[in-house]
PDB file of N, CA and C in Angstrom:
ATOM      1  N   MET A   1       0.697 -22.276 -49.980  1.00  0.00           N
ATOM      2  CA  MET A   1       0.524 -22.170 -51.416  1.00  0.00           C
ATOM      3  C   MET A   1       1.101 -23.373 -52.165  1.00  0.00           C
ATOM      4  N   ILE A   2       2.082 -24.009 -51.577  1.00  0.00           N
ATOM      5  CA  ILE A   2       2.684 -25.166 -52.251  1.00  0.00           C
ATOM      6  C   ILE A   2       1.674 -26.296 -52.362  1.00  0.00           C
ATOM      7  N   ALA A   3       0.842 -26.463 -51.344  1.00  0.00           N
ATOM      8  CA  ALA A   3      -0.157 -27.534 -51.378  1.00  0.00           C
ATOM      9  C   ALA A   3      -1.142 -27.335 -52.515  1.00  0.00           C
ATOM     10  N   TRP A   4      -1.496 -26.098 -52.810  1.00  0.00           N
ATOM     11  CA  TRP A   4      -2.436 -25.844 -53.898  1.00  0.00           C
ATOM     12  C   TRP A   4      -1.806 -26.110 -55.261  1.00  0.00           C
ATOM     13  N   THR A   5      -0.536 -25.852 -55.413  1.00  0.00           N
ATOM     14  CA  THR A   5       0.095 -26.097 -56.711  1.00  0.00           C
ATOM     15  C   THR A   5       0.210 -27.585 -57.008  1.00  0.00           C
ATOM     16  N   ILE A   6       0.290 -28.409 -55.972  1.00  0.00           N
ATOM     17  CA  ILE A   6       0.335 -29.860 -56.206  1.00  0.00           C
ATOM     18  C   ILE A   6      -0.969 -30.336 -56.832  1.00  0.00           C
ATOM     19  N   PHE A   7      -2.097 -29.752 -56.416  1.00  0.00           N
ATOM     20  CA  PHE A   7      -3.381 -30.160 -56.977  1.00  0.00           C
ATOM     21  C   PHE A   7      -3.579 -29.620 -58.385  1.00  0.00           C
ATOM     22  N   TYR A   8      -3.015 -28.463 -58.666  1.00  0.00           N
ATOM     23  CA  TYR A   8      -3.160 -27.892 -60.005  1.00  0.00           C
ATOM     24  C   TYR A   8      -2.190 -28.499 -61.008  1.00  0.00           C
ATOM     25  N   HIS A   9      -1.014 -28.903 -60.553  1.00  0.00           N
ATOM     26  CA  HIS A   9       0.007 -29.498 -61.420  1.00  0.00           C
ATOM     27  C   HIS A   9       0.508 -30.790 -60.778  1.00  0.00           C
ATOM     28  N   PRO A  10      -0.244 -31.894 -60.895  1.00  0.00           N
ATOM     29  CA  PRO A  10       0.179 -33.141 -60.247  1.00  0.00           C
ATOM     30  C   PRO A  10       1.413 -33.735 -60.914  1.00  0.00           C
ATOM     31  N   VAL A  11       2.143 -34.522 -60.150  1.00  0.00           N
ATOM     32  CA  VAL A  11       3.337 -35.188 -60.651  1.00  0.00           C
ATOM     33  C   VAL A  11       2.913 -36.392 -61.483  1.00  0.00           C
ATOM     34  N   SER A  12       3.459 -36.500 -62.669  1.00  0.00           N
ATOM     35  CA  SER A  12       3.136 -37.621 -63.545  1.00  0.00           C
ATOM     36  C   SER A  12       4.138 -38.739 -63.332  1.00  0.00           C
ATOM     37  N   LEU A  13       3.632 -39.930 -63.020  1.00  0.00           N
ATOM     38  CA  LEU A  13       4.501 -41.078 -62.795  1.00  0.00           C
ATOM     39  C   LEU A  13       4.636 -41.956 -64.032  1.00  0.00           C
ATOM     40  N   GLY A  14       3.766 -41.820 -64.978  1.00  0.00           N
ATOM     41  CA  GLY A  14       3.790 -42.686 -66.142  1.00  0.00           C
ATOM     42  C   GLY A  14       3.081 -43.991 -65.849  1.00  0.00           C
ATOM     43  N   SER A  15       2.965 -44.828 -66.834  1.00  0.00           N
ATOM     44  CA  SER A  15       2.247 -46.086 -66.649  1.00  0.00           C
ATOM     45  C   SER A  15       3.055 -47.093 -65.838  1.00  0.00           C
ATOM     46  N   ASP A  16       4.377 -47.072 -65.947  1.00  0.00           N
ATOM     47  CA  ASP A  16       5.203 -48.025 -65.206  1.00  0.00           C
ATOM     48  C   ASP A  16       5.342 -47.629 -63.741  1.00  0.00           C
ATOM     49  N   GLY A  17       5.321 -46.358 -63.435  1.00  0.00           N
ATOM     50  CA  GLY A  17       5.484 -45.900 -62.058  1.00  0.00           C
ATOM     51  C   GLY A  17       4.327 -46.289 -61.170  1.00  0.00           C
ATOM     52  N   LEU A  18       3.134 -46.267 -61.705  1.00  0.00           N
ATOM     53  CA  LEU A  18       1.969 -46.617 -60.901  1.00  0.00           C
ATOM     54  C   LEU A  18       1.911 -48.104 -60.588  1.00  0.00           C
ATOM     55  N   LEU A  19       2.438 -48.910 -61.464  1.00  0.00           N
ATOM     56  CA  LEU A  19       2.425 -50.356 -61.250  1.00  0.00           C
ATOM     57  C   LEU A  19       3.267 -50.754 -60.048  1.00  0.00           C
ATOM     58  N   TRP A  20       4.398 -50.090 -59.841  1.00  0.00           N
ATOM     59  CA  TRP A  20       5.277 -50.436 -58.724  1.00  0.00           C
ATOM     60  C   TRP A  20       4.742 -49.960 -57.391  1.00  0.00           C
ATOM     61  N   LEU A  21       3.740 -49.088 -57.385  1.00  0.00           N
ATOM     62  CA  LEU A  21       3.132 -48.657 -56.132  1.00  0.00           C
ATOM     63  C   LEU A  21       2.205 -49.724 -55.549  1.00  0.00           C
ATOM     64  N   VAL A  22       1.905 -50.755 -56.335  1.00  0.00           N
ATOM     65  CA  VAL A  22       1.040 -51.828 -55.854  1.00  0.00           C
ATOM     66  C   VAL A  22       1.776 -52.689 -54.823  1.00  0.00           C
ATOM     67  N   LEU A  23       3.077 -52.884 -54.989  1.00  0.00           N
ATOM     68  CA  LEU A  23       3.825 -53.740 -54.066  1.00  0.00           C
ATOM     69  C   LEU A  23       3.871 -53.189 -52.637  1.00  0.00           C
ATOM     70  N   PRO A  24       4.158 -51.907 -52.414  1.00  0.00           N
ATOM     71  CA  PRO A  24       4.090 -51.415 -51.030  1.00  0.00           C
ATOM     72  C   PRO A  24       2.678 -51.465 -50.458  1.00  0.00           C
ATOM     73  N   LEU A  25       1.683 -51.274 -51.294  1.00  0.00           N
ATOM     74  CA  LEU A  25       0.304 -51.380 -50.830  1.00  0.00           C
ATOM     75  C   LEU A  25      -0.003 -52.811 -50.394  1.00  0.00           C
ATOM     76  N   CYS A  26       0.402 -53.792 -51.186  1.00  0.00           N
ATOM     77  CA  CYS A  26       0.200 -55.198 -50.815  1.00  0.00           C
ATOM     78  C   CYS A  26       0.975 -55.551 -49.559  1.00  0.00           C
ATOM     79  N   LEU A  27       2.185 -55.028 -49.427  1.00  0.00           N
ATOM     80  CA  LEU A  27       2.989 -55.305 -48.235  1.00  0.00           C
ATOM     81  C   LEU A  27       2.322 -54.749 -46.984  1.00  0.00           C
ATOM     82  N   SER A  28       1.823 -53.536 -47.059  1.00  0.00           N
ATOM     83  CA  SER A  28       1.178 -52.953 -45.879  1.00  0.00           C
ATOM     84  C   SER A  28      -0.104 -53.704 -45.518  1.00  0.00           C
ATOM     85  N   VAL A  29      -0.879 -54.114 -46.507  1.00  0.00           N
ATOM     86  CA  VAL A  29      -2.091 -54.888 -46.237  1.00  0.00           C
ATOM     87  C   VAL A  29      -1.728 -56.244 -45.641  1.00  0.00           C
ATOM     88  N   ALA A  30      -0.692 -56.891 -46.157  1.00  0.00           N
ATOM     89  CA  ALA A  30      -0.276 -58.202 -45.641  1.00  0.00           C
ATOM     90  C   ALA A  30       0.216 -58.091 -44.202  1.00  0.00           C
ATOM     91  N   VAL A  31       0.980 -57.053 -43.885  1.00  0.00           N
ATOM     92  CA  VAL A  31       1.488 -56.889 -42.522  1.00  0.00           C
ATOM     93  C   VAL A  31       0.340 -56.673 -41.548  1.00  0.00           C
ATOM     94  N   ILE A  32      -0.576 -55.800 -41.891  1.00  0.00           N
ATOM     95  CA  ILE A  32      -1.688 -55.510 -40.986  1.00  0.00           C
ATOM     96  C   ILE A  32      -2.603 -56.726 -40.848  1.00  0.00           C
ATOM     97  N   TYR A  33      -2.942 -57.360 -41.949  1.00  0.00           N
ATOM     98  CA  TYR A  33      -3.854 -58.505 -41.908  1.00  0.00           C
ATOM     99  C   TYR A  33      -3.254 -59.671 -41.121  1.00  0.00           C
ATOM    100  N   LYS A  34      -2.017 -60.007 -41.411  1.00  0.00           N
ATOM    101  CA  LYS A  34      -1.404 -61.165 -40.749  1.00  0.00           C
ATOM    102  C   LYS A  34      -1.055 -60.864 -39.295  1.00  0.00           C
ATOM    103  N   THR A  35      -0.780 -59.620 -38.951  1.00  0.00           N
ATOM    104  CA  THR A  35      -0.532 -59.280 -37.559  1.00  0.00           C
ATOM    105  C   THR A  35      -1.784 -59.472 -36.721  1.00  0.00           C
ATOM    106  N   VAL A  36      -2.927 -59.167 -37.291  1.00  0.00           N
ATOM    107  CA  VAL A  36      -4.186 -59.339 -36.569  1.00  0.00           C
ATOM    108  C   VAL A  36      -4.589 -60.810 -36.530  1.00  0.00           C
ATOM    109  N   ARG A  37      -4.365 -61.559 -37.587  1.00  0.00           N
ATOM    110  CA  ARG A  37      -4.869 -62.918 -37.717  1.00  0.00           C
ATOM    111  C   ARG A  37      -3.943 -64.027 -37.244  1.00  0.00           C
ATOM    112  N   THR A  38      -2.679 -63.768 -37.070  1.00  0.00           N
ATOM    113  CA  THR A  38      -1.751 -64.861 -36.771  1.00  0.00           C
ATOM    114  C   THR A  38      -1.932 -65.388 -35.350  1.00  0.00           C
ATOM    115  N   GLY A  39      -1.659 -66.668 -35.193  1.00  0.00           N
ATOM    116  CA  GLY A  39      -1.760 -67.294 -33.891  1.00  0.00           C
ATOM    117  C   GLY A  39      -0.429 -67.302 -33.150  1.00  0.00           C
ATOM    118  N   GLU A  40       0.659 -67.410 -33.890  1.00  0.00           N
ATOM    119  CA  GLU A  40       1.996 -67.434 -33.315  1.00  0.00           C
ATOM    120  C   GLU A  40       2.833 -66.328 -33.927  1.00  0.00           C
ATOM    121  N   LEU A  41       3.465 -65.533 -33.084  1.00  0.00           N
ATOM    122  CA  LEU A  41       4.306 -64.449 -33.596  1.00  0.00           C
ATOM    123  C   LEU A  41       5.590 -64.964 -34.223  1.00  0.00           C
ATOM    124  N   ARG A  42       5.958 -66.170 -33.892  1.00  0.00           N
ATOM    125  CA  ARG A  42       7.176 -66.748 -34.458  1.00  0.00           C
ATOM    126  C   ARG A  42       7.036 -66.974 -35.970  1.00  0.00           C
ATOM    127  N   ARG A  43       5.825 -67.270 -36.416  1.00  0.00           N
ATOM    128  CA  ARG A  43       5.570 -67.537 -37.839  1.00  0.00           C
ATOM    129  C   ARG A  43       5.138 -66.293 -38.608  1.00  0.00           C
ATOM    130  N   LEU A  44       5.089 -65.146 -37.957  1.00  0.00           N
ATOM    131  CA  LEU A  44       4.576 -63.930 -38.590  1.00  0.00           C
ATOM    132  C   LEU A  44       5.329 -63.520 -39.856  1.00  0.00           C
ATOM    133  N   PRO A  45       6.665 -63.442 -39.869  1.00  0.00           N
ATOM    134  CA  PRO A  45       7.353 -63.036 -41.113  1.00  0.00           C
ATOM    135  C   PRO A  45       7.077 -63.976 -42.289  1.00  0.00           C
ATOM    136  N   LEU A  46       7.039 -65.268 -42.023  1.00  0.00           N
ATOM    137  CA  LEU A  46       6.764 -66.227 -43.097  1.00  0.00           C
ATOM    138  C   LEU A  46       5.350 -66.063 -43.635  1.00  0.00           C
ATOM    139  N   GLU A  47       4.408 -65.846 -42.748  1.00  0.00           N
ATOM    140  CA  GLU A  47       3.026 -65.652 -43.186  1.00  0.00           C
ATOM    141  C   GLU A  47       2.857 -64.341 -43.952  1.00  0.00           C
ATOM    142  N   ILE A  48       3.589 -63.301 -43.573  1.00  0.00           N
ATOM    143  CA  ILE A  48       3.524 -62.030 -44.298  1.00  0.00           C
ATOM    144  C   ILE A  48       4.068 -62.198 -45.710  1.00  0.00           C
ATOM    145  N   VAL A  49       5.189 -62.883 -45.845  1.00  0.00           N
ATOM    146  CA  VAL A  49       5.776 -63.114 -47.172  1.00  0.00           C
ATOM    147  C   VAL A  49       4.846 -63.965 -48.028  1.00  0.00           C
ATOM    148  N   ALA A  50       4.238 -64.986 -47.429  1.00  0.00           N
ATOM    149  CA  ALA A  50       3.315 -65.839 -48.183  1.00  0.00           C
ATOM    150  C   ALA A  50       2.083 -65.058 -48.628  1.00  0.00           C
ATOM    151  N   CYS A  51       1.557 -64.221 -47.762  1.00  0.00           N
ATOM    152  CA  CYS A  51       0.383 -63.416 -48.115  1.00  0.00           C
ATOM    153  C   CYS A  51       0.729 -62.396 -49.196  1.00  0.00           C
ATOM    154  N   LEU A  52       1.910 -61.782 -49.095  1.00  0.00           N
ATOM    155  CA  LEU A  52       2.356 -60.829 -50.113  1.00  0.00           C
ATOM    156  C   LEU A  52       2.501 -61.512 -51.469  1.00  0.00           C
ATOM    157  N   ALA A  53       3.101 -62.690 -51.482  1.00  0.00           N
ATOM    158  CA  ALA A  53       3.253 -63.436 -52.734  1.00  0.00           C
ATOM    159  C   ALA A  53       1.896 -63.833 -53.296  1.00  0.00           C
ATOM    160  N   TYR A  54       0.988 -64.262 -52.428  1.00  0.00           N
ATOM    161  CA  TYR A  54      -0.358 -64.650 -52.850  1.00  0.00           C
ATOM    162  C   TYR A  54      -1.080 -63.481 -53.512  1.00  0.00           C
ATOM    163  N   MET A  55      -0.990 -62.308 -52.895  1.00  0.00           N
ATOM    164  CA  MET A  55      -1.662 -61.129 -53.460  1.00  0.00           C
ATOM    165  C   MET A  55      -1.000 -60.670 -54.756  1.00  0.00           C
ATOM    166  N   ALA A  56       0.330 -60.667 -54.796  1.00  0.00           N
ATOM    167  CA  ALA A  56       1.035 -60.209 -55.991  1.00  0.00           C
ATOM    168  C   ALA A  56       0.782 -61.136 -57.181  1.00  0.00           C
ATOM    169  N   VAL A  57       0.860 -62.437 -56.954  1.00  0.00           N
ATOM    170  CA  VAL A  57       0.604 -63.397 -58.036  1.00  0.00           C
ATOM    171  C   VAL A  57      -0.854 -63.318 -58.470  1.00  0.00           C
ATOM    172  N   GLY A  58      -1.750 -63.163 -57.526  1.00  0.00           N
ATOM    173  CA  GLY A  58      -3.167 -63.027 -57.866  1.00  0.00           C
ATOM    174  C   GLY A  58      -3.443 -61.807 -58.718  1.00  0.00           C
ATOM    175  N   MET A  59      -2.791 -60.684 -58.403  1.00  0.00           N
ATOM    176  CA  MET A  59      -2.991 -59.478 -59.209  1.00  0.00           C
ATOM    177  C   MET A  59      -2.391 -59.617 -60.600  1.00  0.00           C
ATOM    178  N   VAL A  60      -1.255 -60.292 -60.688  1.00  0.00           N
ATOM    179  CA  VAL A  60      -0.658 -60.524 -62.010  1.00  0.00           C
ATOM    180  C   VAL A  60      -1.568 -61.416 -62.854  1.00  0.00           C
ATOM    181  N   LEU A  61      -2.091 -62.480 -62.266  1.00  0.00           N
ATOM    182  CA  LEU A  61      -2.994 -63.371 -63.008  1.00  0.00           C
ATOM    183  C   LEU A  61      -4.293 -62.667 -63.389  1.00  0.00           C
ATOM    184  N   LEU A  62      -4.827 -61.867 -62.481  1.00  0.00           N
ATOM    185  CA  LEU A  62      -6.032 -61.116 -62.792  1.00  0.00           C
ATOM    186  C   LEU A  62      -5.784 -60.094 -63.896  1.00  0.00           C
ATOM    187  N   GLY A  63      -4.642 -59.423 -63.841  1.00  0.00           N
ATOM    188  CA  GLY A  63      -4.289 -58.481 -64.901  1.00  0.00           C
ATOM    189  C   GLY A  63      -4.118 -59.167 -66.247  1.00  0.00           C
ATOM    190  N   ALA A  64      -3.491 -60.346 -66.247  1.00  0.00           N
ATOM    191  CA  ALA A  64      -3.320 -61.096 -67.500  1.00  0.00           C
ATOM    192  C   ALA A  64      -4.665 -61.553 -68.050  1.00  0.00           C
ATOM    193  N   ALA A  65      -5.545 -62.006 -67.174  1.00  0.00           N
ATOM    194  CA  ALA A  65      -6.872 -62.440 -67.624  1.00  0.00           C
ATOM    195  C   ALA A  65      -7.669 -61.267 -68.190  1.00  0.00           C
ATOM    196  N   LEU A  66      -7.598 -60.131 -67.540  1.00  0.00           N
ATOM    197  CA  LEU A  66      -8.307 -58.957 -68.057  1.00  0.00           C
ATOM    198  C   LEU A  66      -7.702 -58.475 -69.366  1.00  0.00           C
ATOM    199  N   TRP A  67      -6.380 -58.588 -69.512  1.00  0.00           N
ATOM    200  CA  TRP A  67      -5.751 -58.215 -70.773  1.00  0.00           C
ATOM    201  C   TRP A  67      -6.222 -59.127 -71.897  1.00  0.00           C
ATOM    202  N   VAL A  68      -6.314 -60.439 -71.631  1.00  0.00           N
ATOM    203  CA  VAL A  68      -6.784 -61.392 -72.640  1.00  0.00           C
ATOM    204  C   VAL A  68      -8.207 -61.090 -73.031  1.00  0.00           C
ATOM    205  N   VAL A  69      -9.057 -60.810 -72.060  1.00  0.00           N
ATOM    206  CA  VAL A  69     -10.456 -60.488 -72.361  1.00  0.00           C
ATOM    207  C   VAL A  69     -10.540 -59.209 -73.190  1.00  0.00           C
ATOM    208  N   GLN A  70      -9.761 -58.208 -72.833  1.00  0.00           N
ATOM    209  CA  GLN A  70      -9.801 -56.946 -73.565  1.00  0.00           C
ATOM    210  C   GLN A  70      -9.204 -57.089 -74.954  1.00  0.00           C
ATOM    211  N   ARG A  71      -8.164 -57.881 -75.066  1.00  0.00           N
ATOM    212  CA  ARG A  71      -7.460 -58.006 -76.341  1.00  0.00           C
ATOM    213  C   ARG A  71      -8.210 -58.859 -77.363  1.00  0.00           C
ATOM    214  N   PHE A  72      -8.756 -59.995 -76.922  1.00  0.00           N
ATOM    215  CA  PHE A  72      -9.310 -60.948 -77.865  1.00  0.00           C
ATOM    216  C   PHE A  72     -10.834 -60.969 -77.922  1.00  0.00           C
ATOM    217  N   PHE A  73     -11.510 -60.437 -76.940  1.00  0.00           N
ATOM    218  CA  PHE A  73     -12.972 -60.479 -76.929  1.00  0.00           C
ATOM    219  C   PHE A  73     -13.588 -59.097 -77.003  1.00  0.00           C
ATOM    220  N   GLN A  74     -12.933 -58.195 -77.635  1.00  0.00           N
ATOM    221  CA  GLN A  74     -13.448 -56.831 -77.731  1.00  0.00           C
ATOM    222  C   GLN A  74     -14.351 -56.668 -78.904  1.00  0.00           C
TER     223      GLN A  74
END
């Protein structure tokens, strides 16, 4: 019965809570992608950090660009 109540009354995280869930998602994607694609295991942690930074900065820039489009070209 507890499982059904979660669907009827979901937990609200707010607008700021959902934003921080993007970082673990990016980290998991970076770990899986770079583990499959890397040539040397010695460079794996550095490549994971670089991929995580690339994705995080890209999402911030994309979010800023979409905010500008929504704010000024509406």
